[in-house]
C-alpha atoms as a PDB file:
ATOM      1  CA  MET A   1      17.260   5.247  15.518  1.00  0.00           C
ATOM      2  CA  ALA A   2      18.220   3.042  12.691  1.00  0.00           C
ATOM      3  CA  ARG A   3      14.659   2.014  12.300  1.00  0.00           C
ATOM      4  CA  GLU A   4      13.357   5.533  11.930  1.00  0.00           C
ATOM      5  CA  SER A   5      16.401   6.068   9.390  1.00  0.00           C
ATOM      6  CA  ALA A   6      15.546   3.078   7.291  1.00  0.00           C
ATOM      7  CA  TRP A   7      11.759   3.992   7.244  1.00  0.00           C
ATOM      8  CA  SER A   8      12.658   7.767   6.203  1.00  0.00           C
ATOM      9  CA  VAL A   9      14.541   6.072   3.150  1.00  0.00           C
ATOM     10  CA  VAL A  10      11.363   4.278   2.249  1.00  0.00           C
ATOM     11  CA  ALA A  11       9.114   7.174   2.685  1.00  0.00           C
ATOM     12  CA  GLN A  12      11.234   8.938   0.381  1.00  0.00           C
ATOM     13  CA  ARG A  13      11.161   6.439  -2.036  1.00  0.00           C
ATOM     14  CA  PHE A  14       7.495   6.633  -2.034  1.00  0.00           C
ATOM     15  CA  GLU A  15       7.615  10.275  -2.750  1.00  0.00           C
ATOM     16  CA  GLU A  16      10.183  10.018  -5.499  1.00  0.00           C
ATOM     17  CA  LEU A  17       8.086   7.305  -7.229  1.00  0.00           C
ATOM     18  CA  LEU A  18       4.945   9.423  -7.077  1.00  0.00           C
ATOM     19  CA  ALA A  19       6.656  12.326  -8.455  1.00  0.00           C
ATOM     20  CA  ASP A  20       7.620  10.034 -11.099  1.00  0.00           C
ATOM     21  CA  GLY A  21       3.901   9.045 -11.901  1.00  0.00           C
ATOM     22  CA  GLY A  22       3.902   5.983  -9.695  1.00  0.00           C
ATOM     23  CA  GLY A  23       5.374   2.465  -8.802  1.00  0.00           C
ATOM     24  CA  TYR A  24       5.267  -0.336  -6.550  1.00  0.00           C
ATOM     25  CA  LEU A  25       6.844  -0.856  -3.132  1.00  0.00           C
ATOM     26  CA  GLU A  26       6.785  -3.992  -0.799  1.00  0.00           C
ATOM     27  CA  VAL A  27       7.568  -2.863   2.740  1.00  0.00           C
ATOM     28  CA  GLY A  28       7.740  -4.743   5.955  1.00  0.00           C
ATOM     29  CA  PRO A  29      10.015  -5.368   9.171  1.00  0.00           C
ATOM     30  CA  ALA A  30      13.656  -5.459   8.771  1.00  0.00           C
ATOM     31  CA  ASP A  31      13.933  -8.897   9.791  1.00  0.00           C
ATOM     32  CA  GLY A  32      11.469 -10.275   7.031  1.00  0.00           C
ATOM     33  CA  GLU A  33       8.994 -10.903   9.449  1.00  0.00           C
ATOM     34  CA  HIS A  34       5.182  -9.972   9.135  1.00  0.00           C
ATOM     35  CA  PRO A  35       3.168  -7.990   8.984  1.00  0.00           C
ATOM     36  CA  ALA A  36       4.267  -6.861   5.400  1.00  0.00           C
ATOM     37  CA  MET A  37       2.617  -4.510   2.791  1.00  0.00           C
ATOM     38  CA  SER A  38       2.648  -3.795  -0.799  1.00  0.00           C
ATOM     39  CA  ILE A  39       1.287  -0.562  -2.315  1.00  0.00           C
ATOM     40  CA  GLY A  40       0.947  -0.270  -5.973  1.00  0.00           C
ATOM     41  CA  PHE A  41       0.046   3.430  -7.480  1.00  0.00           C
ATOM     42  CA  ASP A  42      -0.016   6.203  -9.764  1.00  0.00           C
ATOM     43  CA  GLU A  43      -0.672   9.884  -9.390  1.00  0.00           C
ATOM     44  CA  ARG A  44      -4.215   9.491  -8.900  1.00  0.00           C
ATOM     45  CA  VAL A  45      -4.918   5.964  -6.970  1.00  0.00           C
ATOM     46  CA  ALA A  46      -3.324   3.214  -4.949  1.00  0.00           C
ATOM     47  CA  VAL A  47      -4.108  -0.233  -4.072  1.00  0.00           C
ATOM     48  CA  VAL A  48      -2.702  -1.670  -0.687  1.00  0.00           C
ATOM     49  CA  HIS A  49      -2.130  -5.172   0.189  1.00  0.00           C
ATOM     50  CA  LEU A  50      -1.375  -6.266   3.819  1.00  0.00           C
ATOM     51  CA  PHE A  51       0.294  -9.595   4.626  1.00  0.00           C
ATOM     52  CA  PRO A  52      -0.458 -10.050   8.197  1.00  0.00           C
ATOM     53  CA  ASP A  53       1.213 -13.633   8.249  1.00  0.00           C
ATOM     54  CA  PRO A  54       2.769 -15.942   5.330  1.00  0.00           C
ATOM     55  CA  SER A  55      -0.456 -17.387   4.532  1.00  0.00           C
ATOM     56  CA  SER A  56      -2.815 -14.384   4.495  1.00  0.00           C
ATOM     57  CA  CYS A  57      -3.550 -11.490   2.149  1.00  0.00           C
ATOM     58  CA  LEU A  58      -5.947  -8.586   2.759  1.00  0.00           C
ATOM     59  CA  LEU A  59      -6.699  -5.420   0.533  1.00  0.00           C
ATOM     60  CA  LEU A  60      -7.460  -2.241   1.967  1.00  0.00           C
ATOM     61  CA  VAL A  61     -11.076  -1.042   1.271  1.00  0.00           C
ATOM     62  CA  GLY A  62     -10.794   2.074  -0.655  1.00  0.00           C
ATOM     63  CA  ASP A  63     -11.835   5.815   0.386  1.00  0.00           C
ATOM     64  CA  GLY A  64     -15.161   5.773  -1.742  1.00  0.00           C
ATOM     65  CA  SER A  65     -13.737   7.816  -4.654  1.00  0.00           C
ATOM     66  CA  ARG A  66     -14.230   5.299  -7.172  1.00  0.00           C
ATOM     67  CA  ALA A  67     -17.591   3.252  -7.748  1.00  0.00           C
ATOM     68  CA  PRO A  68     -17.127  -0.097  -6.521  1.00  0.00           C
ATOM     69  CA  ASP A  69     -17.413  -1.593 -10.198  1.00  0.00           C
ATOM     70  CA  ASP A  70     -14.761   0.566 -11.634  1.00  0.00           C
ATOM     71  CA  VAL A  71     -11.603  -0.917 -12.828  1.00  0.00           C
ATOM     72  CA  VAL A  72      -8.352   0.742 -11.475  1.00  0.00           C
ATOM     73  CA  SER A  73      -5.052  -0.305 -12.614  1.00  0.00           C
ATOM     74  CA  VAL A  74      -1.947   0.189 -10.570  1.00  0.00           C
ATOM     75  CA  PRO A  75       1.586  -1.541 -10.818  1.00  0.00           C
ATOM     76  CA  VAL A  76       2.248  -4.903  -8.909  1.00  0.00           C
ATOM     77  CA  LEU A  77       5.477  -6.333  -9.114  1.00  0.00           C
ATOM     78  CA  ASP A  78       6.741  -5.954 -12.741  1.00  0.00           C
ATOM     79  CA  SER A  79       3.276  -5.729 -14.477  1.00  0.00           C
ATOM     80  CA  VAL A  80       0.200  -3.947 -13.909  1.00  0.00           C
ATOM     81  CA  ALA A  81      -2.821  -5.631 -12.277  1.00  0.00           C
ATOM     82  CA  ASP A  82      -6.371  -4.445 -12.324  1.00  0.00           C
ATOM     83  CA  PHE A  83      -8.643  -4.138  -9.308  1.00  0.00           C
ATOM     84  CA  ASP A  84     -12.342  -3.264  -8.593  1.00  0.00           C
ATOM     85  CA  GLY A  85     -12.748   0.364  -7.482  1.00  0.00           C
ATOM     86  CA  VAL A  86     -13.768  -0.631  -4.122  1.00  0.00           C
ATOM     87  CA  TYR A  87     -10.190  -0.814  -3.266  1.00  0.00           C
ATOM     88  CA  ALA A  88      -8.907   2.464  -4.656  1.00  0.00           C
ATOM     89  CA  THR A  89      -7.435   4.710  -2.401  1.00  0.00           C
ATOM     90  CA  ALA A  90      -5.785   8.428  -2.904  1.00  0.00           C
ATOM     91  CA  PRO A  91      -1.959   7.578  -2.845  1.00  0.00           C
ATOM     92  CA  ARG A  92      -1.010   9.714   0.014  1.00  0.00           C
ATOM     93  CA  ASP A  93      -4.044   8.416   2.197  1.00  0.00           C
ATOM     94  CA  ALA A  94      -2.999   4.918   1.202  1.00  0.00           C
ATOM     95  CA  TRP A  95       0.666   5.487   2.451  1.00  0.00           C
ATOM     96  CA  ARG A  96      -0.518   6.899   5.467  1.00  0.00           C
ATOM     97  CA  VAL A  97      -2.327   3.604   6.151  1.00  0.00           C
ATOM     98  CA  VAL A  98       1.004   1.684   5.297  1.00  0.00           C
ATOM     99  CA  GLU A  99       2.986   3.849   7.784  1.00  0.00           C
ATOM    100  CA  ARG A 100       0.442   3.409  10.577  1.00  0.00           C
ATOM    101  CA  VAL A 101       0.314  -0.425  10.310  1.00  0.00           C
ATOM    102  CA  LEU A 102       4.080  -0.816  10.199  1.00  0.00           C
ATOM    103  CA  ARG A 103       5.332   2.107  12.184  1.00  0.00           C
ATOM    104  CA  ASP A 104       2.835   2.011  14.880  1.00  0.00           C
ATOM    105  CA  GLY A 105       1.338  -1.372  14.650  1.00  0.00           C
ATOM    106  CA  THR A 106      -2.451   0.078  14.645  1.00  0.00           C
ATOM    107  CA  ASP A 107      -4.725   0.787  12.061  1.00  0.00           C
ATOM    108  CA  ASP A 108      -8.678   1.286  12.051  1.00  0.00           C
ATOM    109  CA  SER A 109      -9.121   0.680   8.268  1.00  0.00           C
ATOM    110  CA  ARG A 110     -11.325  -1.732   6.867  1.00  0.00           C
ATOM    111  CA  TRP A 111      -9.800  -4.815   4.978  1.00  0.00           C
ATOM    112  CA  HIS A 112     -11.004  -7.674   2.745  1.00  0.00           C
ATOM    113  CA  ALA A 113      -9.459 -10.895   2.969  1.00  0.00           C
ATOM    114  CA  LEU A 114      -8.331 -12.601  -0.389  1.00  0.00           C
END
């Protein structure tokens, strides 16, 4: 039950940030183990990183809403980072991927290794 409660707090924080125009979240298991994920987003677009282990980083392949050569800018840590449009996903769709990976341990999305 504590896990569900903690997850609901994180999901609520995502919704608050989205309502405020966007933000950046890092989420993962409470014990600090992997996988861990980050999501940077504004009201139109999100980019998701997956860290399956301490030495790997993957980017979620986007939903096709942006041309691959478009540039999208989203918050990452304390700044804004630019990504190719191929990694752009609608914020709530991106959040559903984060939920599936961290809550259910499964996801059939496409990822690119960095």
